[in-house]
Every structure is written in structure tokens, then in C-alpha cells.
Amino acid sequence: MSPRQTDVADMQCWLLRMAQVAWHMPAKDVAMLFRDQGVFDYIDDLYGLLHVSSYQSALVDVEKYLQARGALPC
């Protein structure tokens, strides 16, 4: 795994855990939502922009992405 892939995976994990707490959902459900709605790919594609802000700001971006897709769970 390249250093970038490791960094992306780290951000994906952190955002999944943060979403779990913020949305009061089991990790399994958040993971399925992220997979089904393309959030993991979204994070990978926009990592260059997302990593320069806080993880909280990145979670807000993910929420906006899900809201635009009509899939925001909270």
C-alpha cells in the first residue's frame, strides 16, 4: 500500500467512526451506507482537498454529499 493509500484509508476510517457517533448508527450500517453511496470513493477522489481541513470539516462535506444524493441518515 502506498503512503497515499494509507492516508486515504486512515481518513475513511476516521470519518466512518465520526459519522457513527454523530448519526447514532452502528459502524456496520455506516460502512454499508458509505459503500452503497460511494462515500469511500468520494473520499479517495477528493482526498487532496479533504485532508487540508479538519476531519470535522471533511465529515460536513460527506454529509453534504449524502444530502445531495438524498441519502443523509440524520
PDB file of N, CA and C in Angstrom:
ATOM      1  N   MET A   1       0.848  -1.166   0.000  1.00  0.00           N
ATOM      2  CA  MET A   1       0.000   0.000   0.000  1.00  0.00           C
ATOM      3  C   MET A   1       0.898   1.234   0.000  1.00  0.00           C
ATOM      4  N   SER A   2       0.572   2.184  -0.850  1.00  0.00           N
ATOM      5  CA  SER A   2       1.368   3.409  -0.932  1.00  0.00           C
ATOM      6  C   SER A   2       1.050   4.318   0.254  1.00  0.00           C
ATOM      7  N   PRO A   3       1.909   5.288   0.521  1.00  0.00           N
ATOM      8  CA  PRO A   3       1.628   6.227   1.622  1.00  0.00           C
ATOM      9  C   PRO A   3       0.292   6.961   1.426  1.00  0.00           C
ATOM     10  N   ARG A   4      -0.020   7.327   0.183  1.00  0.00           N
ATOM     11  CA  ARG A   4      -1.295   7.999  -0.077  1.00  0.00           C
ATOM     12  C   ARG A   4      -2.464   7.070   0.230  1.00  0.00           C
ATOM     13  N   GLN A   5      -2.383   5.827  -0.193  1.00  0.00           N
ATOM     14  CA  GLN A   5      -3.458   4.867   0.071  1.00  0.00           C
ATOM     15  C   GLN A   5      -3.653   4.672   1.573  1.00  0.00           C
ATOM     16  N   THR A   6      -2.556   4.640   2.305  1.00  0.00           N
ATOM     17  CA  THR A   6      -2.632   4.516   3.758  1.00  0.00           C
ATOM     18  C   THR A   6      -3.323   5.733   4.361  1.00  0.00           C
ATOM     19  N   ASP A   7      -2.972   6.924   3.875  1.00  0.00           N
ATOM     20  CA  ASP A   7      -3.584   8.157   4.377  1.00  0.00           C
ATOM     21  C   ASP A   7      -5.079   8.212   4.048  1.00  0.00           C
ATOM     22  N   VAL A   8      -5.451   7.797   2.856  1.00  0.00           N
ATOM     23  CA  VAL A   8      -6.863   7.783   2.452  1.00  0.00           C
ATOM     24  C   VAL A   8      -7.635   6.796   3.324  1.00  0.00           C
ATOM     25  N   ALA A   9      -7.092   5.608   3.519  1.00  0.00           N
ATOM     26  CA  ALA A   9      -7.756   4.605   4.356  1.00  0.00           C
ATOM     27  C   ALA A   9      -7.914   5.112   5.783  1.00  0.00           C
ATOM     28  N   ASP A  10      -6.910   5.813   6.291  1.00  0.00           N
ATOM     29  CA  ASP A  10      -6.993   6.390   7.630  1.00  0.00           C
ATOM     30  C   ASP A  10      -8.138   7.395   7.710  1.00  0.00           C
ATOM     31  N   MET A  11      -8.252   8.273   6.713  1.00  0.00           N
ATOM     32  CA  MET A  11      -9.326   9.258   6.709  1.00  0.00           C
ATOM     33  C   MET A  11     -10.687   8.570   6.587  1.00  0.00           C
ATOM     34  N   GLN A  12     -10.776   7.556   5.745  1.00  0.00           N
ATOM     35  CA  GLN A  12     -12.035   6.828   5.594  1.00  0.00           C
ATOM     36  C   GLN A  12     -12.465   6.211   6.925  1.00  0.00           C
ATOM     37  N   CYS A  13     -11.528   5.624   7.628  1.00  0.00           N
ATOM     38  CA  CYS A  13     -11.835   5.017   8.934  1.00  0.00           C
ATOM     39  C   CYS A  13     -12.269   6.059   9.949  1.00  0.00           C
ATOM     40  N   TRP A  14     -11.536   7.167  10.018  1.00  0.00           N
ATOM     41  CA  TRP A  14     -11.878   8.219  10.971  1.00  0.00           C
ATOM     42  C   TRP A  14     -13.260   8.790  10.673  1.00  0.00           C
ATOM     43  N   LEU A  15     -13.541   9.040   9.405  1.00  0.00           N
ATOM     44  CA  LEU A  15     -14.840   9.615   9.064  1.00  0.00           C
ATOM     45  C   LEU A  15     -15.975   8.637   9.316  1.00  0.00           C
ATOM     46  N   LEU A  16     -15.731   7.358   9.088  1.00  0.00           N
ATOM     47  CA  LEU A  16     -16.738   6.353   9.398  1.00  0.00           C
ATOM     48  C   LEU A  16     -17.054   6.378  10.890  1.00  0.00           C
ATOM     49  N   ARG A  17     -16.026   6.380  11.724  1.00  0.00           N
ATOM     50  CA  ARG A  17     -16.224   6.388  13.179  1.00  0.00           C
ATOM     51  C   ARG A  17     -16.894   7.685  13.643  1.00  0.00           C
ATOM     52  N   MET A  18     -16.501   8.807  13.059  1.00  0.00           N
ATOM     53  CA  MET A  18     -17.119  10.077  13.430  1.00  0.00           C
ATOM     54  C   MET A  18     -18.591  10.095  13.028  1.00  0.00           C
ATOM     55  N   ALA A  19     -18.906   9.576  11.843  1.00  0.00           N
ATOM     56  CA  ALA A  19     -20.290   9.508  11.384  1.00  0.00           C
ATOM     57  C   ALA A  19     -21.097   8.590  12.297  1.00  0.00           C
ATOM     58  N   GLN A  20     -20.510   7.506  12.706  1.00  0.00           N
ATOM     59  CA  GLN A  20     -21.185   6.560  13.605  1.00  0.00           C
ATOM     60  C   GLN A  20     -21.640   7.272  14.870  1.00  0.00           C
ATOM     61  N   VAL A  21     -20.771   8.051  15.452  1.00  0.00           N
ATOM     62  CA  VAL A  21     -21.098   8.775  16.684  1.00  0.00           C
ATOM     63  C   VAL A  21     -22.102   9.892  16.401  1.00  0.00           C
ATOM     64  N   ALA A  22     -21.847  10.687  15.368  1.00  0.00           N
ATOM     65  CA  ALA A  22     -22.698  11.836  15.067  1.00  0.00           C
ATOM     66  C   ALA A  22     -24.111  11.427  14.670  1.00  0.00           C
ATOM     67  N   TRP A  23     -24.222  10.313  13.961  1.00  0.00           N
ATOM     68  CA  TRP A  23     -25.526   9.886  13.439  1.00  0.00           C
ATOM     69  C   TRP A  23     -26.175   8.809  14.302  1.00  0.00           C
ATOM     70  N   HIS A  24     -25.524   8.415  15.380  1.00  0.00           N
ATOM     71  CA  HIS A  24     -26.063   7.394  16.294  1.00  0.00           C
ATOM     72  C   HIS A  24     -26.435   6.118  15.537  1.00  0.00           C
ATOM     73  N   MET A  25     -25.482   5.643  14.753  1.00  0.00           N
ATOM     74  CA  MET A  25     -25.688   4.445  13.941  1.00  0.00           C
ATOM     75  C   MET A  25     -24.588   3.433  14.230  1.00  0.00           C
ATOM     76  N   PRO A  26     -24.892   2.148  14.115  1.00  0.00           N
ATOM     77  CA  PRO A  26     -23.840   1.131  14.236  1.00  0.00           C
ATOM     78  C   PRO A  26     -22.814   1.283  13.105  1.00  0.00           C
ATOM     79  N   ALA A  27     -21.572   0.951  13.399  1.00  0.00           N
ATOM     80  CA  ALA A  27     -20.499   1.062  12.407  1.00  0.00           C
ATOM     81  C   ALA A  27     -20.827   0.277  11.141  1.00  0.00           C
ATOM     82  N   LYS A  28     -21.423  -0.891  11.296  1.00  0.00           N
ATOM     83  CA  LYS A  28     -21.767  -1.717  10.137  1.00  0.00           C
ATOM     84  C   LYS A  28     -22.728  -0.973   9.208  1.00  0.00           C
ATOM     85  N   ASP A  29     -23.713  -0.286   9.773  1.00  0.00           N
ATOM     86  CA  ASP A  29     -24.680   0.450   8.961  1.00  0.00           C
ATOM     87  C   ASP A  29     -24.033   1.636   8.251  1.00  0.00           C
ATOM     88  N   VAL A  30     -23.151   2.333   8.957  1.00  0.00           N
ATOM     89  CA  VAL A  30     -22.448   3.456   8.329  1.00  0.00           C
ATOM     90  C   VAL A  30     -21.553   2.943   7.202  1.00  0.00           C
ATOM     91  N   ALA A  31     -20.860   1.843   7.437  1.00  0.00           N
ATOM     92  CA  ALA A  31     -19.989   1.268   6.408  1.00  0.00           C
ATOM     93  C   ALA A  31     -20.791   0.884   5.164  1.00  0.00           C
ATOM     94  N   MET A  32     -21.967   0.297   5.371  1.00  0.00           N
ATOM     95  CA  MET A  32     -22.804  -0.075   4.219  1.00  0.00           C
ATOM     96  C   MET A  32     -23.308   1.176   3.494  1.00  0.00           C
ATOM     97  N   LEU A  33     -23.684   2.205   4.244  1.00  0.00           N
ATOM     98  CA  LEU A  33     -24.105   3.461   3.631  1.00  0.00           C
ATOM     99  C   LEU A  33     -22.972   4.077   2.821  1.00  0.00           C
ATOM    100  N   PHE A  34     -21.779   4.141   3.421  1.00  0.00           N
ATOM    101  CA  PHE A  34     -20.615   4.684   2.719  1.00  0.00           C
ATOM    102  C   PHE A  34     -20.339   3.887   1.447  1.00  0.00           C
ATOM    103  N   ARG A  35     -20.410   2.573   1.535  1.00  0.00           N
ATOM    104  CA  ARG A  35     -20.148   1.735   0.356  1.00  0.00           C
ATOM    105  C   ARG A  35     -21.226   1.944  -0.701  1.00  0.00           C
ATOM    106  N   ASP A  36     -22.487   1.866  -0.295  1.00  0.00           N
ATOM    107  CA  ASP A  36     -23.597   1.935  -1.242  1.00  0.00           C
ATOM    108  C   ASP A  36     -23.730   3.299  -1.912  1.00  0.00           C
ATOM    109  N   GLN A  37     -23.363   4.344  -1.202  1.00  0.00           N
ATOM    110  CA  GLN A  37     -23.499   5.705  -1.733  1.00  0.00           C
ATOM    111  C   GLN A  37     -22.197   6.258  -2.324  1.00  0.00           C
ATOM    112  N   GLY A  38     -21.149   5.459  -2.349  1.00  0.00           N
ATOM    113  CA  GLY A  38     -19.895   5.882  -2.966  1.00  0.00           C
ATOM    114  C   GLY A  38     -19.071   6.843  -2.137  1.00  0.00           C
ATOM    115  N   VAL A  39     -19.303   6.861  -0.826  1.00  0.00           N
ATOM    116  CA  VAL A  39     -18.566   7.795   0.034  1.00  0.00           C
ATOM    117  C   VAL A  39     -17.085   7.429   0.098  1.00  0.00           C
ATOM    118  N   PHE A  40     -16.773   6.146   0.142  1.00  0.00           N
ATOM    119  CA  PHE A  40     -15.359   5.757   0.176  1.00  0.00           C
ATOM    120  C   PHE A  40     -14.638   6.266  -1.071  1.00  0.00           C
ATOM    121  N   ASP A  41     -15.274   6.154  -2.228  1.00  0.00           N
ATOM    122  CA  ASP A  41     -14.682   6.667  -3.469  1.00  0.00           C
ATOM    123  C   ASP A  41     -14.612   8.191  -3.446  1.00  0.00           C
ATOM    124  N   TYR A  42     -15.649   8.828  -2.903  1.00  0.00           N
ATOM    125  CA  TYR A  42     -15.672  10.280  -2.782  1.00  0.00           C
ATOM    126  C   TYR A  42     -14.470  10.760  -1.968  1.00  0.00           C
ATOM    127  N   ILE A  43     -14.228  10.106  -0.846  1.00  0.00           N
ATOM    128  CA  ILE A  43     -13.090  10.475  -0.001  1.00  0.00           C
ATOM    129  C   ILE A  43     -11.782  10.250  -0.751  1.00  0.00           C
ATOM    130  N   ASP A  44     -11.672   9.146  -1.449  1.00  0.00           N
ATOM    131  CA  ASP A  44     -10.461   8.852  -2.213  1.00  0.00           C
ATOM    132  C   ASP A  44     -10.249   9.901  -3.302  1.00  0.00           C
ATOM    133  N   ASP A  45     -11.308  10.207  -4.041  1.00  0.00           N
ATOM    134  CA  ASP A  45     -11.206  11.162  -5.154  1.00  0.00           C
ATOM    135  C   ASP A  45     -10.862  12.569  -4.684  1.00  0.00           C
ATOM    136  N   LEU A  46     -11.414  12.978  -3.548  1.00  0.00           N
ATOM    137  CA  LEU A  46     -11.220  14.350  -3.065  1.00  0.00           C
ATOM    138  C   LEU A  46     -10.250  14.459  -1.900  1.00  0.00           C
ATOM    139  N   TYR A  47      -9.486  13.400  -1.677  1.00  0.00           N
ATOM    140  CA  TYR A  47      -8.559  13.395  -0.548  1.00  0.00           C
ATOM    141  C   TYR A  47      -7.637  14.617  -0.577  1.00  0.00           C
ATOM    142  N   GLY A  48      -7.180  15.000  -1.740  1.00  0.00           N
ATOM    143  CA  GLY A  48      -6.280  16.144  -1.862  1.00  0.00           C
ATOM    144  C   GLY A  48      -6.862  17.416  -1.270  1.00  0.00           C
ATOM    145  N   LEU A  49      -8.166  17.578  -1.360  1.00  0.00           N
ATOM    146  CA  LEU A  49      -8.833  18.741  -0.777  1.00  0.00           C
ATOM    147  C   LEU A  49      -9.263  18.493   0.667  1.00  0.00           C
ATOM    148  N   LEU A  50      -9.766  17.293   0.932  1.00  0.00           N
ATOM    149  CA  LEU A  50     -10.307  16.996   2.250  1.00  0.00           C
ATOM    150  C   LEU A  50      -9.239  16.975   3.342  1.00  0.00           C
ATOM    151  N   HIS A  51      -8.036  16.543   3.007  1.00  0.00           N
ATOM    152  CA  HIS A  51      -7.029  16.378   4.060  1.00  0.00           C
ATOM    153  C   HIS A  51      -6.425  17.687   4.546  1.00  0.00           C
ATOM    154  N   VAL A  52      -6.680  18.773   3.846  1.00  0.00           N
ATOM    155  CA  VAL A  52      -6.115  20.055   4.287  1.00  0.00           C
ATOM    156  C   VAL A  52      -7.001  20.758   5.316  1.00  0.00           C
ATOM    157  N   SER A  53      -8.190  20.206   5.558  1.00  0.00           N
ATOM    158  CA  SER A  53      -9.057  20.756   6.595  1.00  0.00           C
ATOM    159  C   SER A  53      -9.180  19.733   7.723  1.00  0.00           C
ATOM    160  N   SER A  54      -9.948  20.065   8.711  1.00  0.00           N
ATOM    161  CA  SER A  54     -10.126  19.136   9.827  1.00  0.00           C
ATOM    162  C   SER A  54     -11.008  17.964   9.403  1.00  0.00           C
ATOM    163  N   TYR A  55     -10.927  16.886  10.168  1.00  0.00           N
ATOM    164  CA  TYR A  55     -11.807  15.748   9.888  1.00  0.00           C
ATOM    165  C   TYR A  55     -13.267  16.149  10.090  1.00  0.00           C
ATOM    166  N   GLN A  56     -13.529  17.056  11.013  1.00  0.00           N
ATOM    167  CA  GLN A  56     -14.901  17.524  11.217  1.00  0.00           C
ATOM    168  C   GLN A  56     -15.408  18.227   9.961  1.00  0.00           C
ATOM    169  N   SER A  57     -14.576  19.038   9.336  1.00  0.00           N
ATOM    170  CA  SER A  57     -14.961  19.694   8.085  1.00  0.00           C
ATOM    171  C   SER A  57     -15.167  18.671   6.971  1.00  0.00           C
ATOM    172  N   ALA A  58     -14.332  17.648   6.954  1.00  0.00           N
ATOM    173  CA  ALA A  58     -14.486  16.585   5.956  1.00  0.00           C
ATOM    174  C   ALA A  58     -15.804  15.845   6.170  1.00  0.00           C
ATOM    175  N   LEU A  59     -16.201  15.636   7.430  1.00  0.00           N
ATOM    176  CA  LEU A  59     -17.476  14.972   7.698  1.00  0.00           C
ATOM    177  C   LEU A  59     -18.637  15.843   7.223  1.00  0.00           C
ATOM    178  N   VAL A  60     -18.540  17.147   7.392  1.00  0.00           N
ATOM    179  CA  VAL A  60     -19.570  18.058   6.881  1.00  0.00           C
ATOM    180  C   VAL A  60     -19.662  17.917   5.360  1.00  0.00           C
ATOM    181  N   ASP A  61     -18.532  17.814   4.682  1.00  0.00           N
ATOM    182  CA  ASP A  61     -18.537  17.613   3.226  1.00  0.00           C
ATOM    183  C   ASP A  61     -19.215  16.295   2.859  1.00  0.00           C
ATOM    184  N   VAL A  62     -18.931  15.249   3.613  1.00  0.00           N
ATOM    185  CA  VAL A  62     -19.572  13.950   3.367  1.00  0.00           C
ATOM    186  C   VAL A  62     -21.079  14.068   3.578  1.00  0.00           C
ATOM    187  N   GLU A  63     -21.489  14.779   4.619  1.00  0.00           N
ATOM    188  CA  GLU A  63     -22.916  14.964   4.866  1.00  0.00           C
ATOM    189  C   GLU A  63     -23.586  15.719   3.719  1.00  0.00           C
ATOM    190  N   LYS A  64     -22.918  16.733   3.197  1.00  0.00           N
ATOM    191  CA  LYS A  64     -23.462  17.477   2.048  1.00  0.00           C
ATOM    192  C   LYS A  64     -23.559  16.579   0.820  1.00  0.00           C
ATOM    193  N   TYR A  65     -22.550  15.743   0.624  1.00  0.00           N
ATOM    194  CA  TYR A  65     -22.552  14.791  -0.484  1.00  0.00           C
ATOM    195  C   TYR A  65     -23.747  13.835  -0.356  1.00  0.00           C
ATOM    196  N   LEU A  66     -23.945  13.288   0.831  1.00  0.00           N
ATOM    197  CA  LEU A  66     -25.058  12.363   1.046  1.00  0.00           C
ATOM    198  C   LEU A  66     -26.403  13.076   0.925  1.00  0.00           C
ATOM    199  N   GLN A  67     -26.473  14.292   1.415  1.00  0.00           N
ATOM    200  CA  GLN A  67     -27.711  15.060   1.312  1.00  0.00           C
ATOM    201  C   GLN A  67     -28.061  15.304  -0.156  1.00  0.00           C
ATOM    202  N   ALA A  68     -27.074  15.631  -0.980  1.00  0.00           N
ATOM    203  CA  ALA A  68     -27.308  15.846  -2.403  1.00  0.00           C
ATOM    204  C   ALA A  68     -27.811  14.580  -3.089  1.00  0.00           C
ATOM    205  N   ARG A  69     -27.425  13.433  -2.561  1.00  0.00           N
ATOM    206  CA  ARG A  69     -27.865  12.155  -3.108  1.00  0.00           C
ATOM    207  C   ARG A  69     -29.169  11.670  -2.475  1.00  0.00           C
ATOM    208  N   GLY A  70     -29.704  12.448  -1.524  1.00  0.00           N
ATOM    209  CA  GLY A  70     -30.924  12.062  -0.833  1.00  0.00           C
ATOM    210  C   GLY A  70     -30.734  10.896   0.113  1.00  0.00           C
ATOM    211  N   ALA A  71     -29.528  10.777   0.656  1.00  0.00           N
ATOM    212  CA  ALA A  71     -29.208   9.602   1.493  1.00  0.00           C
ATOM    213  C   ALA A  71     -28.663   9.973   2.862  1.00  0.00           C
ATOM    214  N   LEU A  72     -28.795  11.214   3.285  1.00  0.00           N
ATOM    215  CA  LEU A  72     -28.285  11.605   4.597  1.00  0.00           C
ATOM    216  C   LEU A  72     -29.155  10.976   5.671  1.00  0.00           C
ATOM    217  N   PRO A  73     -28.573  10.180   6.557  1.00  0.00           N
ATOM    218  CA  PRO A  73     -29.372   9.418   7.527  1.00  0.00           C
ATOM    219  C   PRO A  73     -29.867  10.225   8.728  1.00  0.00           C
ATOM    220  N   CYS A  74     -29.384  11.441   8.908  1.00  0.00           N
ATOM    221  CA  CYS A  74     -29.806  12.201  10.094  1.00  0.00           C
ATOM    222  C   CYS A  74     -30.533  13.472   9.700  1.00  0.00           C
TER     223      CYS A  74
END
